[in-house]
C-alpha atoms as a PDB file:
ATOM      1  CA  MET A   1       0.000   0.000   0.000  1.00  0.00           C
ATOM      2  CA  LYS A   2       1.600   3.238  -1.149  1.00  0.00           C
ATOM      3  CA  SER A   3      -0.479   5.677   0.827  1.00  0.00           C
ATOM      4  CA  LYS A   4       0.977   7.935   3.492  1.00  0.00           C
ATOM      5  CA  ILE A   5       1.853   6.247   6.784  1.00  0.00           C
ATOM      6  CA  VAL A   6       0.916   7.681  10.172  1.00  0.00           C
ATOM      7  CA  SER A   7       2.954   5.402  12.421  1.00  0.00           C
ATOM      8  CA  SER A   8       1.729   3.961  15.690  1.00  0.00           C
ATOM      9  CA  GLU A   9       4.820   5.513  17.287  1.00  0.00           C
ATOM     10  CA  SER A  10       3.734   9.034  16.313  1.00  0.00           C
ATOM     11  CA  ILE A  11       0.189   8.412  17.574  1.00  0.00           C
ATOM     12  CA  ILE A  12       1.548   6.993  20.830  1.00  0.00           C
ATOM     13  CA  ARG A  13       3.928   9.951  21.194  1.00  0.00           C
ATOM     14  CA  ILE A  14       1.003  12.379  21.048  1.00  0.00           C
ATOM     15  CA  ASN A  15      -0.853  10.420  23.721  1.00  0.00           C
ATOM     16  CA  LYS A  16       2.240  10.354  25.923  1.00  0.00           C
ATOM     17  CA  LEU A  17       2.681  14.116  25.606  1.00  0.00           C
ATOM     18  CA  LYS A  18      -0.942  14.571  26.608  1.00  0.00           C
ATOM     19  CA  GLY A  19      -0.322  12.461  29.699  1.00  0.00           C
ATOM     20  CA  ILE A  20       2.825  14.397  30.618  1.00  0.00           C
ATOM     21  CA  SER A  21       0.976  17.714  30.192  1.00  0.00           C
ATOM     22  CA  ILE A  22      -1.896  16.652  32.459  1.00  0.00           C
ATOM     23  CA  LEU A  23       0.489  15.291  35.080  1.00  0.00           C
ATOM     24  CA  THR A  24       2.485  18.547  34.935  1.00  0.00           C
ATOM     25  CA  VAL A  25      -0.631  20.559  35.790  1.00  0.00           C
ATOM     26  CA  PHE A  26      -1.356  18.439  38.862  1.00  0.00           C
ATOM     27  CA  LEU A  27       2.283  18.560  39.950  1.00  0.00           C
ATOM     28  CA  PHE A  28       2.259  22.339  39.642  1.00  0.00           C
ATOM     29  CA  VAL A  29      -0.816  22.552  41.897  1.00  0.00           C
ATOM     30  CA  PHE A  30       0.739  20.153  44.397  1.00  0.00           C
ATOM     31  CA  LEU A  31       4.175  21.802  44.534  1.00  0.00           C
ATOM     32  CA  ASN A  32       2.695  25.294  44.631  1.00  0.00           C
ATOM     33  CA  ASN A  33       0.844  24.377  47.813  1.00  0.00           C
ATOM     34  CA  THR A  34       3.341  22.133  49.577  1.00  0.00           C
ATOM     35  CA  LEU A  35       6.834  23.512  49.007  1.00  0.00           C
ATOM     36  CA  PRO A  36       8.093  25.671  51.903  1.00  0.00           C
ATOM     37  CA  GLU A  37       7.728  29.451  51.858  1.00  0.00           C
ATOM     38  CA  ASN A  38      11.511  29.921  51.506  1.00  0.00           C
ATOM     39  CA  TYR A  39      11.535  27.918  48.265  1.00  0.00           C
ATOM     40  CA  SER A  40      11.779  31.097  46.189  1.00  0.00           C
ATOM     41  CA  ASN A  41      14.751  32.277  48.271  1.00  0.00           C
ATOM     42  CA  TRP A  42      16.464  28.936  47.693  1.00  0.00           C
ATOM     43  CA  TRP A  43      15.830  29.254  43.940  1.00  0.00           C
ATOM     44  CA  ASP A  44      17.295  32.778  43.900  1.00  0.00           C
ATOM     45  CA  SER A  45      20.368  31.658  45.870  1.00  0.00           C
ATOM     46  CA  TYR A  46      21.247  28.397  44.136  1.00  0.00           C
ATOM     47  CA  ILE A  47      19.605  28.428  40.687  1.00  0.00           C
ATOM     48  CA  VAL A  48      18.889  31.783  39.005  1.00  0.00           C
ATOM     49  CA  SER A  49      17.722  34.954  40.668  1.00  0.00           C
ATOM     50  CA  GLY A  50      14.960  37.157  39.343  1.00  0.00           C
ATOM     51  CA  ILE A  51      12.902  34.314  37.847  1.00  0.00           C
ATOM     52  CA  PRO A  52       9.107  34.787  38.288  1.00  0.00           C
ATOM     53  CA  GLU A  53       7.677  32.614  41.035  1.00  0.00           C
ATOM     54  CA  THR A  54       5.306  30.846  38.633  1.00  0.00           C
ATOM     55  CA  ILE A  55       8.245  29.692  36.503  1.00  0.00           C
ATOM     56  CA  GLN A  56       9.987  28.454  39.637  1.00  0.00           C
ATOM     57  CA  PHE A  57       7.135  26.002  40.131  1.00  0.00           C
ATOM     58  CA  ILE A  58       6.545  25.171  36.467  1.00  0.00           C
ATOM     59  CA  VAL A  59      10.122  24.010  35.842  1.00  0.00           C
ATOM     60  CA  PRO A  60      10.247  21.315  38.575  1.00  0.00           C
ATOM     61  CA  SER A  61       6.690  20.285  37.639  1.00  0.00           C
ATOM     62  CA  ILE A  62       7.752  19.610  34.048  1.00  0.00           C
ATOM     63  CA  VAL A  63      10.942  17.836  35.121  1.00  0.00           C
ATOM     64  CA  LEU A  64       9.175  15.595  37.641  1.00  0.00           C
ATOM     65  CA  SER A  65       6.253  14.791  35.339  1.00  0.00           C
ATOM     66  CA  THR A  66       8.692  13.855  32.567  1.00  0.00           C
ATOM     67  CA  LEU A  67      10.721  11.591  34.865  1.00  0.00           C
ATOM     68  CA  ILE A  68       7.598   9.927  36.259  1.00  0.00           C
ATOM     69  CA  SER A  69       6.195   9.437  32.767  1.00  0.00           C
ATOM     70  CA  ILE A  70       9.462   7.951  31.496  1.00  0.00           C
ATOM     71  CA  TYR A  71       9.324   5.394  34.299  1.00  0.00           C
ATOM     72  CA  PHE A  72       5.694   4.481  33.668  1.00  0.00           C
ATOM     73  CA  TYR A  73       5.721   4.536  29.883  1.00  0.00           C
ATOM     74  CA  SER A  74       9.063   2.778  29.392  1.00  0.00           C
ATOM     75  CA  GLY A  75       8.365   0.039  31.901  1.00  0.00           C
ATOM     76  CA  ASP A  76       4.629   0.041  31.119  1.00  0.00           C
ATOM     77  CA  PRO A  77       3.796  -1.816  34.368  1.00  0.00           C
ATOM     78  CA  LEU A  78       0.100  -1.724  33.605  1.00  0.00           C
ATOM     79  CA  PHE A  79       0.236  -3.821  30.439  1.00  0.00           C
ATOM     80  CA  LYS A  80       3.535  -5.709  30.784  1.00  0.00           C
ATOM     81  CA  LYS A  81       3.969  -6.702  34.420  1.00  0.00           C
ATOM     82  CA  LYS A  82       2.064  -9.623  35.877  1.00  0.00           C
ATOM     83  CA  GLY A  83      -1.092  -8.695  37.725  1.00  0.00           C
ATOM     84  CA  GLU A  84      -4.858  -8.933  37.613  1.00  0.00           C
ATOM     85  CA  ILE A  85      -5.221  -6.216  34.965  1.00  0.00           C
ATOM     86  CA  ASN A  86      -2.521  -7.737  32.758  1.00  0.00           C
ATOM     87  CA  THR A  87      -4.104 -11.192  33.073  1.00  0.00           C
ATOM     88  CA  TRP A  88      -7.480  -9.823  32.009  1.00  0.00           C
ATOM     89  CA  ILE A  89      -6.020  -7.801  29.105  1.00  0.00           C
ATOM     90  CA  LYS A  90      -4.275 -10.897  27.759  1.00  0.00           C
ATOM     91  CA  THR A  91      -7.613 -12.667  27.426  1.00  0.00           C
ATOM     92  CA  LEU A  92      -8.663  -9.924  24.973  1.00  0.00           C
ATOM     93  CA  PHE A  93      -5.648 -10.168  22.634  1.00  0.00           C
ATOM     94  CA  PRO A  94      -6.706 -10.746  19.000  1.00  0.00           C
ATOM     95  CA  SER A  95      -3.698 -13.061  18.641  1.00  0.00           C
ATOM     96  CA  ASN A  96      -5.561 -15.550  20.838  1.00  0.00           C
ATOM     97  CA  LEU A  97      -7.621 -16.384  17.741  1.00  0.00           C
ATOM     98  CA  LEU A  98      -4.480 -17.748  16.071  1.00  0.00           C
ATOM     99  CA  ILE A  99      -3.464 -19.733  19.150  1.00  0.00           C
ATOM    100  CA  GLU A 100      -6.908 -21.276  19.477  1.00  0.00           C
ATOM    101  CA  LYS A 101      -7.407 -22.143  15.794  1.00  0.00           C
ATOM    102  CA  TYR A 102      -3.886 -23.045  14.651  1.00  0.00           C
ATOM    103  CA  ALA A 103      -2.237 -24.122  17.920  1.00  0.00           C
ATOM    104  CA  VAL A 104       0.744 -21.781  17.380  1.00  0.00           C
ATOM    105  CA  ASN A 105       2.811 -20.365  20.240  1.00  0.00           C
ATOM    106  CA  GLU A 106       2.196 -16.946  21.748  1.00  0.00           C
ATOM    107  CA  HIS A 107       5.258 -15.344  20.151  1.00  0.00           C
ATOM    108  CA  GLU A 108       4.319 -16.493  16.647  1.00  0.00           C
ATOM    109  CA  ALA A 109       0.698 -15.459  17.129  1.00  0.00           C
ATOM    110  CA  ASN A 110       1.616 -11.981  18.377  1.00  0.00           C
ATOM    111  CA  SER A 111       4.124 -11.490  15.557  1.00  0.00           C
ATOM    112  CA  LEU A 112       1.540 -12.315  12.882  1.00  0.00           C
ATOM    113  CA  TRP A 113      -1.147 -10.201  14.552  1.00  0.00           C
ATOM    114  CA  PHE A 114       1.082  -7.130  14.647  1.00  0.00           C
ATOM    115  CA  LYS A 115       2.096  -7.682  11.034  1.00  0.00           C
ATOM    116  CA  TYR A 116      -1.595  -7.366  10.215  1.00  0.00           C
ATOM    117  CA  PHE A 117      -2.302  -4.617  12.757  1.00  0.00           C
ATOM    118  CA  ASN A 118       0.579  -2.406  11.583  1.00  0.00           C
ATOM    119  CA  GLN A 119      -1.000  -2.190   8.147  1.00  0.00           C
ATOM    120  CA  TRP A 120      -3.614   0.050   9.743  1.00  0.00           C
ATOM    121  CA  GLN A 121      -0.943   2.752   9.989  1.00  0.00           C
ATOM    122  CA  HIS A 122      -1.531   3.587   6.336  1.00  0.00           C
ATOM    123  CA  LYS A 123      -3.659   6.686   6.268  1.00  0.00           C
ATOM    124  CA  GLU A 124      -6.022   5.337   3.607  1.00  0.00           C
ATOM    125  CA  HIS A 125      -6.530   1.973   5.290  1.00  0.00           C
ATOM    126  CA  PRO A 126     -10.199   1.501   6.296  1.00  0.00           C
ATOM    127  CA  ASN A 127      -9.099   0.657   9.851  1.00  0.00           C
ATOM    128  CA  HIS A 128      -6.777   3.661  10.265  1.00  0.00           C
ATOM    129  CA  THR A 129      -9.246   5.783  12.238  1.00  0.00           C
ATOM    130  CA  PHE A 130      -9.930   2.840  14.510  1.00  0.00           C
ATOM    131  CA  LEU A 131      -6.169   2.405  15.022  1.00  0.00           C
ATOM    132  CA  LYS A 132      -5.920   5.953  16.406  1.00  0.00           C
ATOM    133  CA  LYS A 133      -8.912   5.379  18.668  1.00  0.00           C
ATOM    134  CA  SER A 134      -7.409   2.136  19.953  1.00  0.00           C
ATOM    135  CA  HIS A 135      -4.161   3.801  20.958  1.00  0.00           C
ATOM    136  CA  SER A 136      -6.083   6.679  22.524  1.00  0.00           C
ATOM    137  CA  PHE A 137      -8.215   4.306  24.618  1.00  0.00           C
ATOM    138  CA  SER A 138      -5.216   2.314  25.894  1.00  0.00           C
ATOM    139  CA  TYR A 139      -3.218   5.440  26.794  1.00  0.00           C
ATOM    140  CA  ASN A 140      -6.216   7.010  28.508  1.00  0.00           C
ATOM    141  CA  ALA A 141      -6.325   3.911  30.686  1.00  0.00           C
ATOM    142  CA  ARG A 142      -2.611   4.201  31.380  1.00  0.00           C
ATOM    143  CA  LEU A 143      -3.060   7.856  32.288  1.00  0.00           C
ATOM    144  CA  VAL A 144      -5.858   7.103  34.753  1.00  0.00           C
ATOM    145  CA  TYR A 145      -3.741   4.356  36.311  1.00  0.00           C
ATOM    146  CA  PHE A 146      -0.731   6.690  36.616  1.00  0.00           C
ATOM    147  CA  LEU A 147      -2.840   9.510  38.059  1.00  0.00           C
ATOM    148  CA  ILE A 148      -4.373   7.241  40.696  1.00  0.00           C
ATOM    149  CA  PHE A 149      -0.869   6.152  41.722  1.00  0.00           C
ATOM    150  CA  THR A 150       0.369   9.768  41.716  1.00  0.00           C
ATOM    151  CA  PHE A 151      -2.616  11.017  43.727  1.00  0.00           C
ATOM    152  CA  ASP A 152      -1.896   8.319  46.317  1.00  0.00           C
ATOM    153  CA  ILE A 153       1.646   9.686  46.672  1.00  0.00           C
ATOM    154  CA  PHE A 154       0.385  13.279  46.861  1.00  0.00           C
ATOM    155  CA  SER A 155      -2.135  12.327  49.549  1.00  0.00           C
ATOM    156  CA  ILE A 156       0.446  10.519  51.660  1.00  0.00           C
ATOM    157  CA  ILE A 157       2.935  13.400  51.442  1.00  0.00           C
ATOM    158  CA  SER A 158       0.202  15.956  52.232  1.00  0.00           C
ATOM    159  CA  LEU A 159      -0.902  13.951  55.257  1.00  0.00           C
ATOM    160  CA  ILE A 160       2.666  13.696  56.567  1.00  0.00           C
ATOM    161  CA  LEU A 161       3.244  17.424  56.059  1.00  0.00           C
ATOM    162  CA  PHE A 162      -0.017  18.311  57.782  1.00  0.00           C
ATOM    163  CA  VAL A 163       0.736  16.094  60.784  1.00  0.00           C
ATOM    164  CA  PHE A 164       4.229  17.570  61.160  1.00  0.00           C
ATOM    165  CA  SER A 165       2.857  21.103  60.821  1.00  0.00           C
ATOM    166  CA  LEU A 166       0.642  20.500  63.875  1.00  0.00           C
ATOM    167  CA  PHE A 167       3.772  20.469  66.030  1.00  0.00           C
ATOM    168  CA  ILE A 168       5.043  23.753  64.603  1.00  0.00           C
ATOM    169  CA  LYS A 169       2.360  25.833  62.944  1.00  0.00           C
ATOM    170  CA  ALA A 170      -0.737  24.160  61.561  1.00  0.00           C
ATOM    171  CA  GLN A 171      -0.938  24.541  57.765  1.00  0.00           C
ATOM    172  CA  ILE A 172      -4.527  24.157  56.583  1.00  0.00           C
ATOM    173  CA  SER A 173      -3.291  24.242  52.987  1.00  0.00           C
ATOM    174  CA  TYR A 174      -1.784  20.758  53.480  1.00  0.00           C
ATOM    175  CA  LEU A 175      -5.141  19.447  54.657  1.00  0.00           C
ATOM    176  CA  ILE A 176      -6.914  21.044  51.699  1.00  0.00           C
ATOM    177  CA  ILE A 177      -4.461  19.486  49.250  1.00  0.00           C
ATOM    178  CA  LEU A 178      -4.919  16.132  51.002  1.00  0.00           C
ATOM    179  CA  LEU A 179      -8.705  16.334  50.636  1.00  0.00           C
ATOM    180  CA  ILE A 180      -8.498  17.480  47.001  1.00  0.00           C
ATOM    181  CA  PHE A 181      -6.190  14.733  45.777  1.00  0.00           C
ATOM    182  CA  SER A 182      -7.687  11.940  47.866  1.00  0.00           C
ATOM    183  CA  SER A 183     -11.146  12.916  46.558  1.00  0.00           C
ATOM    184  CA  MET A 184      -9.892  12.968  42.973  1.00  0.00           C
ATOM    185  CA  ARG A 185      -8.266   9.611  43.516  1.00  0.00           C
ATOM    186  CA  PHE A 186     -11.551   8.175  44.803  1.00  0.00           C
ATOM    187  CA  VAL A 187     -13.540   9.548  41.855  1.00  0.00           C
ATOM    188  CA  LEU A 188     -11.057   8.231  39.272  1.00  0.00           C
ATOM    189  CA  SER A 189     -10.897   4.762  40.786  1.00  0.00           C
ATOM    190  CA  TYR A 190     -14.671   4.565  41.371  1.00  0.00           C
ATOM    191  CA  PHE A 191     -15.646   5.400  37.791  1.00  0.00           C
ATOM    192  CA  ASN A 192     -12.752   3.585  36.086  1.00  0.00           C
ATOM    193  CA  LYS A 193     -12.593  -0.012  37.247  1.00  0.00           C
ATOM    194  CA  PRO A 194     -10.904  -2.809  35.287  1.00  0.00           C
ATOM    195  CA  ALA A 195     -12.641  -6.152  35.019  1.00  0.00           C
ATOM    196  CA  LYS A 196     -12.290  -8.572  37.895  1.00  0.00           C
ATOM    197  CA  LEU A 197     -11.637 -12.242  37.275  1.00  0.00           C
ATOM    198  CA  ASP A 198     -12.358 -15.270  39.423  1.00  0.00           C
ATOM    199  CA  GLU A 199      -9.793 -18.004  40.046  1.00  0.00           C
ATOM    200  CA  ASN A 200     -10.749 -19.620  36.730  1.00  0.00           C
ATOM    201  CA  GLY A 201     -10.166 -16.467  34.733  1.00  0.00           C
ATOM    202  CA  ILE A 202     -13.866 -15.755  34.238  1.00  0.00           C
ATOM    203  CA  VAL A 203     -14.985 -12.110  34.382  1.00  0.00           C
ATOM    204  CA  ILE A 204     -17.140 -11.600  37.471  1.00  0.00           C
ATOM    205  CA  SER A 205     -17.223  -7.804  37.377  1.00  0.00           C
ATOM    206  CA  PRO A 206     -17.288  -5.935  34.024  1.00  0.00           C
ATOM    207  CA  PRO A 207     -14.967  -2.973  33.389  1.00  0.00           C
ATOM    208  CA  THR A 208     -16.153   0.627  33.596  1.00  0.00           C
ATOM    209  CA  GLY A 209     -14.960   3.996  32.292  1.00  0.00           C
ATOM    210  CA  VAL A 210     -11.668   3.960  30.395  1.00  0.00           C
ATOM    211  CA  TRP A 211     -11.387   0.211  30.934  1.00  0.00           C
ATOM    212  CA  HIS A 212     -14.694  -0.389  29.206  1.00  0.00           C
ATOM    213  CA  SER A 213     -13.319   1.548  26.218  1.00  0.00           C
ATOM    214  CA  VAL A 214     -10.161  -0.582  26.265  1.00  0.00           C
ATOM    215  CA  GLU A 215     -12.199  -3.776  26.313  1.00  0.00           C
ATOM    216  CA  SER A 216     -14.441  -2.567  23.463  1.00  0.00           C
ATOM    217  CA  SER A 217     -11.359  -1.634  21.433  1.00  0.00           C
ATOM    218  CA  PHE A 218      -9.742  -5.047  21.870  1.00  0.00           C
ATOM    219  CA  LEU A 219     -12.962  -6.885  21.090  1.00  0.00           C
ATOM    220  CA  GLU A 220     -13.512  -4.831  17.939  1.00  0.00           C
ATOM    221  CA  SER A 221      -9.911  -5.470  16.845  1.00  0.00           C
ATOM    222  CA  LYS A 222     -10.446  -9.157  17.484  1.00  0.00           C
ATOM    223  CA  SER A 223     -13.667  -9.111  15.453  1.00  0.00           C
ATOM    224  CA  ARG A 224     -12.009  -7.379  12.489  1.00  0.00           C
ATOM    225  CA  PHE A 225      -9.047  -9.758  12.579  1.00  0.00           C
ATOM    226  CA  ASP A 226     -11.370 -12.746  12.603  1.00  0.00           C
ATOM    227  CA  ARG A 227     -13.551 -11.371   9.813  1.00  0.00           C
ATOM    228  CA  GLU A 228     -10.711 -10.267   7.541  1.00  0.00           C
ATOM    229  CA  VAL A 229      -8.147 -13.025   8.150  1.00  0.00           C
ATOM    230  CA  VAL A 230      -8.775 -15.911  10.542  1.00  0.00           C
ATOM    231  CA  SER A 231     -12.223 -16.957   9.296  1.00  0.00           C
ATOM    232  CA  LYS A 232     -10.891 -17.108   5.713  1.00  0.00           C
ATOM    233  CA  CYS A 233      -7.877 -19.317   6.401  1.00  0.00           C
ATOM    234  CA  GLU A 234      -7.747 -22.994   7.319  1.00  0.00           C
ATOM    235  CA  THR A 235      -4.038 -23.037   8.206  1.00  0.00           C
ATOM    236  CA  ILE A 236      -1.503 -20.658   9.702  1.00  0.00           C
ATOM    237  CA  ASP A 237       0.396 -20.643   6.393  1.00  0.00           C
ATOM    238  CA  MET A 238      -2.716 -19.440   4.598  1.00  0.00           C
ATOM    239  CA  ALA A 239      -3.149 -16.687   7.198  1.00  0.00           C
ATOM    240  CA  GLU A 240       0.466 -15.583   6.716  1.00  0.00           C
ATOM    241  CA  GLU A 241       0.038 -15.501   2.942  1.00  0.00           C
ATOM    242  CA  LEU A 242      -3.171 -13.498   3.190  1.00  0.00           C
ATOM    243  CA  ILE A 243      -1.640 -10.927   5.534  1.00  0.00           C
ATOM    244  CA  GLU A 244       1.419 -10.695   3.305  1.00  0.00           C
ATOM    245  CA  SER A 245      -0.778 -10.073   0.253  1.00  0.00           C
ATOM    246  CA  MET A 246      -2.621  -7.325   2.143  1.00  0.00           C
ATOM    247  CA  SER A 247       0.652  -5.537   2.898  1.00  0.00           C
ATOM    248  CA  GLU A 248       1.572  -5.502  -0.790  1.00  0.00           C
ATOM    249  CA  LYS A 249      -1.569  -3.690  -1.910  1.00  0.00           C
END
């Protein structure tokens, strides 16, 4: 296919930047209300003097959000490390169709699936719009997961600061920040729940919020893969040939 390619990497990069930007905003709010009053004096003495106070908070917010995001996105603990969410997500993989029908191993199945899936990067491919939505859904889920983790850290730090301030000079701002971020954490986790599985791997509680979108995306990908490839091929060799012929169009 000779049409213009919009790579998955570029789509993912945009979603990552969105996540970093949102995290930066929350870090700015947190740091602006928790760093000590002499923070500006420290900045003037050891960094650069005469910098506006807002910039003094924006810079560390950007640096910290970037470092946190690098850790989360590079390691991708949500989708790669073993856990209940990862176990559930694996049951949705379209490559499972190949394993079930052709008895191939997981590596071979994933390799063939992505060879098919990557064809959606072509701008004129009928599944291209769906490709962008799929990446958006999965990175929205990652963002919610990261924010819940980050809000937990913010809440713990705010609580510690508030308790210590009681012995010196009570700082109500710490308590307010604690209530804000713990409330936001509760709302995010309440309305965005991944599916829960029983000991046999059966879903006993359906996903909600961003996780429902992730599930719908995987199921739709699985349906398209089955309709366009798996249902038409009796053997794995036939599936490989069909996918190869699609890439040459």
